[in-house]
C-alpha cells in the first residue's frame, strides 16, 4: 500500500491545516509562508507574487460586494 505524502496538495499542509488562504495572513507572515513553500521545492515564484495575489483578492472581494 502506498503512503500518503507529507503535503497532499497546495491546499493542505500538516502544520498549517487545510484550505488556508495566504491572503488572510498579515503581509509579513504571508511572505514567510511563501518563502517556506519556495524553499520546499515549489515551482519558481515570481518576486511580485504576493502583491499581485493581494490585489487580485481585493478585486475579487470588491466585485463580489458590487454584484451582491
PDB file of N, CA and C in Angstrom:
ATOM      1  N   UNK A   1       0.845  -1.184   0.000  1.00  0.00           N
ATOM      2  CA  UNK A   1       0.000   0.000   0.000  1.00  0.00           C
ATOM      3  C   UNK A   1       0.886   1.243   0.000  1.00  0.00           C
ATOM      4  N   UNK A   2       0.535   2.228  -0.804  1.00  0.00           N
ATOM      5  CA  UNK A   2       1.298   3.475  -0.864  1.00  0.00           C
ATOM      6  C   UNK A   2       0.967   4.363   0.323  1.00  0.00           C
ATOM      7  N   UNK A   3       1.991   5.049   0.831  1.00  0.00           N
ATOM      8  CA  UNK A   3       1.767   6.007   1.914  1.00  0.00           C
ATOM      9  C   UNK A   3       1.451   7.369   1.322  1.00  0.00           C
ATOM     10  N   UNK A   4       0.640   8.125   2.048  1.00  0.00           N
ATOM     11  CA  UNK A   4       0.355   9.481   1.603  1.00  0.00           C
ATOM     12  C   UNK A   4       1.584  10.357   1.800  1.00  0.00           C
ATOM     13  N   UNK A   5       1.832  11.294   0.894  1.00  0.00           N
ATOM     14  CA  UNK A   5       2.947  12.215   1.097  1.00  0.00           C
ATOM     15  C   UNK A   5       2.653  13.150   2.263  1.00  0.00           C
ATOM     16  N   UNK A   6       3.693  13.798   2.788  1.00  0.00           N
ATOM     17  CA  UNK A   6       3.505  14.718   3.907  1.00  0.00           C
ATOM     18  C   UNK A   6       2.617  15.892   3.531  1.00  0.00           C
ATOM     19  N   UNK A   7       2.755  16.412   2.321  1.00  0.00           N
ATOM     20  CA  UNK A   7       1.908  17.504   1.832  1.00  0.00           C
ATOM     21  C   UNK A   7       1.073  16.928   0.706  1.00  0.00           C
ATOM     22  N   UNK A   8      -0.258  16.887   0.887  1.00  0.00           N
ATOM     23  CA  UNK A   8      -1.135  16.234  -0.077  1.00  0.00           C
ATOM     24  C   UNK A   8      -1.395  17.124  -1.287  1.00  0.00           C
ATOM     25  N   UNK A   9      -1.765  18.352  -1.084  1.00  0.00           N
ATOM     26  CA  UNK A   9      -1.989  19.301  -2.178  1.00  0.00           C
ATOM     27  C   UNK A   9      -1.538  20.668  -1.708  1.00  0.00           C
ATOM     28  N   UNK A  10      -1.639  21.646  -2.587  1.00  0.00           N
ATOM     29  CA  UNK A  10      -1.308  23.008  -2.188  1.00  0.00           C
ATOM     30  C   UNK A  10      -2.335  23.559  -1.197  1.00  0.00           C
ATOM     31  N   UNK A  11      -3.448  22.852  -1.013  1.00  0.00           N
ATOM     32  CA  UNK A  11      -4.481  23.296  -0.066  1.00  0.00           C
ATOM     33  C   UNK A  11      -4.323  22.692   1.323  1.00  0.00           C
ATOM     34  N   UNK A  12      -3.334  21.855   1.517  1.00  0.00           N
ATOM     35  CA  UNK A  12      -3.163  21.228   2.830  1.00  0.00           C
ATOM     36  C   UNK A  12      -1.687  21.169   3.194  1.00  0.00           C
ATOM     37  N   UNK A  13      -1.390  21.543   4.411  1.00  0.00           N
ATOM     38  CA  UNK A  13      -0.042  21.384   4.948  1.00  0.00           C
ATOM     39  C   UNK A  13      -0.219  20.936   6.391  1.00  0.00           C
ATOM     40  N   UNK A  14       0.500  19.919   6.838  1.00  0.00           N
ATOM     41  CA  UNK A  14       0.269  19.367   8.180  1.00  0.00           C
ATOM     42  C   UNK A  14       0.423  20.384   9.308  1.00  0.00           C
ATOM     43  N   UNK A  15       1.259  21.393   9.126  1.00  0.00           N
ATOM     44  CA  UNK A  15       1.442  22.396  10.183  1.00  0.00           C
ATOM     45  C   UNK A  15       0.463  23.562  10.076  1.00  0.00           C
ATOM     46  N   UNK A  16      -0.098  23.783   8.886  1.00  0.00           N
ATOM     47  CA  UNK A  16      -0.991  24.931   8.693  1.00  0.00           C
ATOM     48  C   UNK A  16      -2.462  24.533   8.601  1.00  0.00           C
ATOM     49  N   UNK A  17      -2.724  23.289   8.272  1.00  0.00           N
ATOM     50  CA  UNK A  17      -4.102  22.832   8.145  1.00  0.00           C
ATOM     51  C   UNK A  17      -4.620  22.974   6.728  1.00  0.00           C
ATOM     52  N   UNK A  18      -5.877  22.546   6.499  1.00  0.00           N
ATOM     53  CA  UNK A  18      -6.445  22.551   5.150  1.00  0.00           C
ATOM     54  C   UNK A  18      -7.074  23.887   4.766  1.00  0.00           C
ATOM     55  N   UNK A  19      -7.085  24.132   3.472  1.00  0.00           N
ATOM     56  CA  UNK A  19      -7.864  25.224   2.857  1.00  0.00           C
ATOM     57  C   UNK A  19      -7.565  26.599   3.427  1.00  0.00           C
ATOM     58  N   UNK A  20      -6.307  26.906   3.624  1.00  0.00           N
ATOM     59  CA  UNK A  20      -5.912  28.209   4.144  1.00  0.00           C
ATOM     60  C   UNK A  20      -5.645  29.156   2.983  1.00  0.00           C
ATOM     61  N   UNK A  21      -6.030  30.405   3.136  1.00  0.00           N
ATOM     62  CA  UNK A  21      -5.767  31.425   2.132  1.00  0.00           C
ATOM     63  C   UNK A  21      -4.624  32.295   2.629  1.00  0.00           C
ATOM     64  N   UNK A  22      -3.553  32.357   1.872  1.00  0.00           N
ATOM     65  CA  UNK A  22      -2.381  33.118   2.283  1.00  0.00           C
ATOM     66  C   UNK A  22      -2.719  34.600   2.475  1.00  0.00           C
ATOM     67  N   UNK A  23      -3.748  35.074   1.808  1.00  0.00           N
ATOM     68  CA  UNK A  23      -4.132  36.486   1.908  1.00  0.00           C
ATOM     69  C   UNK A  23      -4.862  36.816   3.213  1.00  0.00           C
ATOM     70  N   UNK A  24      -5.188  35.817   3.994  1.00  0.00           N
ATOM     71  CA  UNK A  24      -5.797  36.065   5.304  1.00  0.00           C
ATOM     72  C   UNK A  24      -4.729  36.388   6.347  1.00  0.00           C
ATOM     73  N   UNK A  25      -3.470  36.224   5.988  1.00  0.00           N
ATOM     74  CA  UNK A  25      -2.368  36.486   6.905  1.00  0.00           C
ATOM     75  C   UNK A  25      -1.868  37.917   6.738  1.00  0.00           C
ATOM     76  N   UNK A  26      -1.255  38.470   7.789  1.00  0.00           N
ATOM     77  CA  UNK A  26      -0.566  39.756   7.620  1.00  0.00           C
ATOM     78  C   UNK A  26       0.531  39.590   6.557  1.00  0.00           C
ATOM     79  N   UNK A  27       0.865  40.666   5.882  1.00  0.00           N
ATOM     80  CA  UNK A  27       1.790  40.607   4.756  1.00  0.00           C
ATOM     81  C   UNK A  27       3.124  39.935   5.121  1.00  0.00           C
ATOM     82  N   UNK A  28       3.699  40.280   6.255  1.00  0.00           N
ATOM     83  CA  UNK A  28       4.985  39.681   6.639  1.00  0.00           C
ATOM     84  C   UNK A  28       4.868  38.176   6.863  1.00  0.00           C
ATOM     85  N   UNK A  29       3.779  37.748   7.477  1.00  0.00           N
ATOM     86  CA  UNK A  29       3.558  36.315   7.706  1.00  0.00           C
ATOM     87  C   UNK A  29       3.326  35.594   6.380  1.00  0.00           C
ATOM     88  N   UNK A  30       2.556  36.211   5.489  1.00  0.00           N
ATOM     89  CA  UNK A  30       2.314  35.620   4.172  1.00  0.00           C
ATOM     90  C   UNK A  30       3.626  35.469   3.410  1.00  0.00           C
ATOM     91  N   UNK A  31       4.492  36.465   3.502  1.00  0.00           N
ATOM     92  CA  UNK A  31       5.795  36.404   2.842  1.00  0.00           C
ATOM     93  C   UNK A  31       6.634  35.263   3.409  1.00  0.00           C
ATOM     94  N   UNK A  32       6.602  35.074   4.715  1.00  0.00           N
ATOM     95  CA  UNK A  32       7.346  33.982   5.348  1.00  0.00           C
ATOM     96  C   UNK A  32       6.842  32.628   4.850  1.00  0.00           C
ATOM     97  N   UNK A  33       5.520  32.455   4.810  1.00  0.00           N
ATOM     98  CA  UNK A  33       4.934  31.196   4.340  1.00  0.00           C
ATOM     99  C   UNK A  33       5.323  30.951   2.884  1.00  0.00           C
ATOM    100  N   UNK A  34       5.266  31.977   2.075  1.00  0.00           N
ATOM    101  CA  UNK A  34       5.614  31.841   0.665  1.00  0.00           C
ATOM    102  C   UNK A  34       7.083  31.432   0.507  1.00  0.00           C
ATOM    103  N   UNK A  35       7.964  32.012   1.318  1.00  0.00           N
ATOM    104  CA  UNK A  35       9.378  31.624   1.275  1.00  0.00           C
ATOM    105  C   UNK A  35       9.557  30.168   1.699  1.00  0.00           C
ATOM    106  N   UNK A  36       8.789  29.711   2.681  1.00  0.00           N
ATOM    107  CA  UNK A  36       8.846  28.300   3.099  1.00  0.00           C
ATOM    108  C   UNK A  36       8.412  27.381   1.966  1.00  0.00           C
ATOM    109  N   UNK A  37       7.350  27.767   1.276  1.00  0.00           N
ATOM    110  CA  UNK A  37       6.853  26.959   0.156  1.00  0.00           C
ATOM    111  C   UNK A  37       7.918  26.884  -0.932  1.00  0.00           C
ATOM    112  N   UNK A  38       8.534  28.011  -1.242  1.00  0.00           N
ATOM    113  CA  UNK A  38       9.572  28.035  -2.272  1.00  0.00           C
ATOM    114  C   UNK A  38      10.775  27.191  -1.852  1.00  0.00           C
ATOM    115  N   UNK A  39      11.153  27.263  -0.583  1.00  0.00           N
ATOM    116  CA  UNK A  39      12.299  26.500  -0.090  1.00  0.00           C
ATOM    117  C   UNK A  39      12.036  24.998  -0.118  1.00  0.00           C
ATOM    118  N   UNK A  40      10.760  24.621  -0.068  1.00  0.00           N
ATOM    119  CA  UNK A  40      10.404  23.201  -0.078  1.00  0.00           C
ATOM    120  C   UNK A  40      10.439  22.618  -1.486  1.00  0.00           C
ATOM    121  N   UNK A  41      10.786  23.451  -2.472  1.00  0.00           N
ATOM    122  CA  UNK A  41      10.945  22.938  -3.829  1.00  0.00           C
ATOM    123  C   UNK A  41       9.776  23.218  -4.749  1.00  0.00           C
ATOM    124  N   UNK A  42       8.925  24.143  -4.383  1.00  0.00           N
ATOM    125  CA  UNK A  42       7.809  24.501  -5.268  1.00  0.00           C
ATOM    126  C   UNK A  42       8.367  25.141  -6.538  1.00  0.00           C
ATOM    127  N   UNK A  43       7.540  25.195  -7.549  1.00  0.00           N
ATOM    128  CA  UNK A  43       7.992  25.841  -8.783  1.00  0.00           C
ATOM    129  C   UNK A  43       8.387  27.289  -8.485  1.00  0.00           C
ATOM    130  N   UNK A  44       9.084  27.896  -9.396  1.00  0.00           N
ATOM    131  CA  UNK A  44       9.564  29.267  -9.192  1.00  0.00           C
ATOM    132  C   UNK A  44       8.391  30.210  -8.916  1.00  0.00           C
ATOM    133  N   UNK A  45       8.554  31.044  -7.915  1.00  0.00           N
ATOM    134  CA  UNK A  45       7.523  32.009  -7.542  1.00  0.00           C
ATOM    135  C   UNK A  45       8.057  33.401  -7.873  1.00  0.00           C
ATOM    136  N   UNK A  46       7.326  34.143  -8.687  1.00  0.00           N
ATOM    137  CA  UNK A  46       7.786  35.471  -9.091  1.00  0.00           C
ATOM    138  C   UNK A  46       7.874  36.397  -7.887  1.00  0.00           C
ATOM    139  N   UNK A  47       8.808  37.331  -7.950  1.00  0.00           N
ATOM    140  CA  UNK A  47       9.068  38.218  -6.820  1.00  0.00           C
ATOM    141  C   UNK A  47       7.864  39.079  -6.454  1.00  0.00           C
ATOM    142  N   UNK A  48       7.001  39.379  -7.403  1.00  0.00           N
ATOM    143  CA  UNK A  48       5.841  40.231  -7.110  1.00  0.00           C
ATOM    144  C   UNK A  48       4.558  39.420  -6.898  1.00  0.00           C
ATOM    145  N   UNK A  49       4.701  38.128  -6.634  1.00  0.00           N
ATOM    146  CA  UNK A  49       3.533  37.258  -6.485  1.00  0.00           C
ATOM    147  C   UNK A  49       2.572  37.757  -5.409  1.00  0.00           C
ATOM    148  N   UNK A  50       3.086  38.063  -4.216  1.00  0.00           N
ATOM    149  CA  UNK A  50       2.195  38.457  -3.115  1.00  0.00           C
ATOM    150  C   UNK A  50       1.444  39.745  -3.423  1.00  0.00           C
ATOM    151  N   UNK A  51       2.123  40.719  -4.001  1.00  0.00           N
ATOM    152  CA  UNK A  51       1.445  41.966  -4.341  1.00  0.00           C
ATOM    153  C   UNK A  51       0.314  41.709  -5.329  1.00  0.00           C
ATOM    154  N   UNK A  52       0.601  40.886  -6.354  1.00  0.00           N
ATOM    155  CA  UNK A  52      -0.441  40.556  -7.329  1.00  0.00           C
ATOM    156  C   UNK A  52      -1.562  39.748  -6.695  1.00  0.00           C
ATOM    157  N   UNK A  53      -1.208  38.833  -5.815  1.00  0.00           N
ATOM    158  CA  UNK A  53      -2.208  37.986  -5.157  1.00  0.00           C
ATOM    159  C   UNK A  53      -3.123  38.823  -4.261  1.00  0.00           C
ATOM    160  N   UNK A  54      -2.515  39.708  -3.442  1.00  0.00           N
ATOM    161  CA  UNK A  54      -3.333  40.565  -2.579  1.00  0.00           C
ATOM    162  C   UNK A  54      -4.231  41.488  -3.407  1.00  0.00           C
ATOM    163  N   UNK A  55      -3.714  42.023  -4.503  1.00  0.00           N
ATOM    164  CA  UNK A  55      -4.515  42.893  -5.377  1.00  0.00           C
ATOM    165  C   UNK A  55      -5.668  42.112  -6.000  1.00  0.00           C
ATOM    166  N   UNK A  56      -5.409  40.888  -6.417  1.00  0.00           N
ATOM    167  CA  UNK A  56      -6.458  40.052  -7.007  1.00  0.00           C
ATOM    168  C   UNK A  56      -7.535  39.730  -5.980  1.00  0.00           C
ATOM    169  N   UNK A  57      -7.117  39.372  -4.766  1.00  0.00           N
ATOM    170  CA  UNK A  57      -8.080  39.070  -3.701  1.00  0.00           C
ATOM    171  C   UNK A  57      -8.952  40.294  -3.396  1.00  0.00           C
ATOM    172  N   UNK A  58      -8.320  41.467  -3.352  1.00  0.00           N
ATOM    173  CA  UNK A  58      -9.070  42.692  -3.087  1.00  0.00           C
ATOM    174  C   UNK A  58     -10.084  42.950  -4.201  1.00  0.00           C
ATOM    175  N   UNK A  59      -9.660  42.757  -5.454  1.00  0.00           N
ATOM    176  CA  UNK A  59     -10.570  42.938  -6.587  1.00  0.00           C
ATOM    177  C   UNK A  59     -11.724  41.939  -6.522  1.00  0.00           C
ATOM    178  N   UNK A  60     -11.428  40.678  -6.220  1.00  0.00           N
ATOM    179  CA  UNK A  60     -12.489  39.669  -6.127  1.00  0.00           C
ATOM    180  C   UNK A  60     -13.512  40.021  -5.049  1.00  0.00           C
ATOM    181  N   UNK A  61     -13.034  40.463  -3.882  1.00  0.00           N
ATOM    182  CA  UNK A  61     -13.945  40.858  -2.811  1.00  0.00           C
ATOM    183  C   UNK A  61     -14.800  42.056  -3.235  1.00  0.00           C
ATOM    184  N   UNK A  62     -14.166  43.014  -3.873  1.00  0.00           N
ATOM    185  CA  UNK A  62     -14.878  44.211  -4.329  1.00  0.00           C
ATOM    186  C   UNK A  62     -15.956  43.849  -5.349  1.00  0.00           C
ATOM    187  N   UNK A  63     -15.609  43.006  -6.302  1.00  0.00           N
ATOM    188  CA  UNK A  63     -16.577  42.593  -7.317  1.00  0.00           C
ATOM    189  C   UNK A  63     -17.705  41.765  -6.710  1.00  0.00           C
ATOM    190  N   UNK A  64     -17.390  40.938  -5.742  1.00  0.00           N
ATOM    191  CA  UNK A  64     -18.430  40.161  -5.065  1.00  0.00           C
ATOM    192  C   UNK A  64     -19.424  41.095  -4.389  1.00  0.00           C
ATOM    193  N   UNK A  65     -18.908  42.075  -3.666  1.00  0.00           N
ATOM    194  CA  UNK A  65     -19.775  43.034  -2.989  1.00  0.00           C
ATOM    195  C   UNK A  65     -20.619  43.825  -3.998  1.00  0.00           C
ATOM    196  N   UNK A  66     -19.985  44.249  -5.071  1.00  0.00           N
ATOM    197  CA  UNK A  66     -20.693  45.038  -6.096  1.00  0.00           C
ATOM    198  C   UNK A  66     -21.828  44.232  -6.716  1.00  0.00           C
ATOM    199  N   UNK A  67     -21.587  42.974  -6.992  1.00  0.00           N
ATOM    200  CA  UNK A  67     -22.603  42.151  -7.652  1.00  0.00           C
ATOM    201  C   UNK A  67     -23.711  41.703  -6.696  1.00  0.00           C
ATOM    202  N   UNK A  68     -23.395  41.609  -5.415  1.00  0.00           N
ATOM    203  CA  UNK A  68     -24.410  41.193  -4.468  1.00  0.00           C
ATOM    204  C   UNK A  68     -25.229  42.389  -4.035  1.00  0.00           C
TER     205      UNK A  68
END
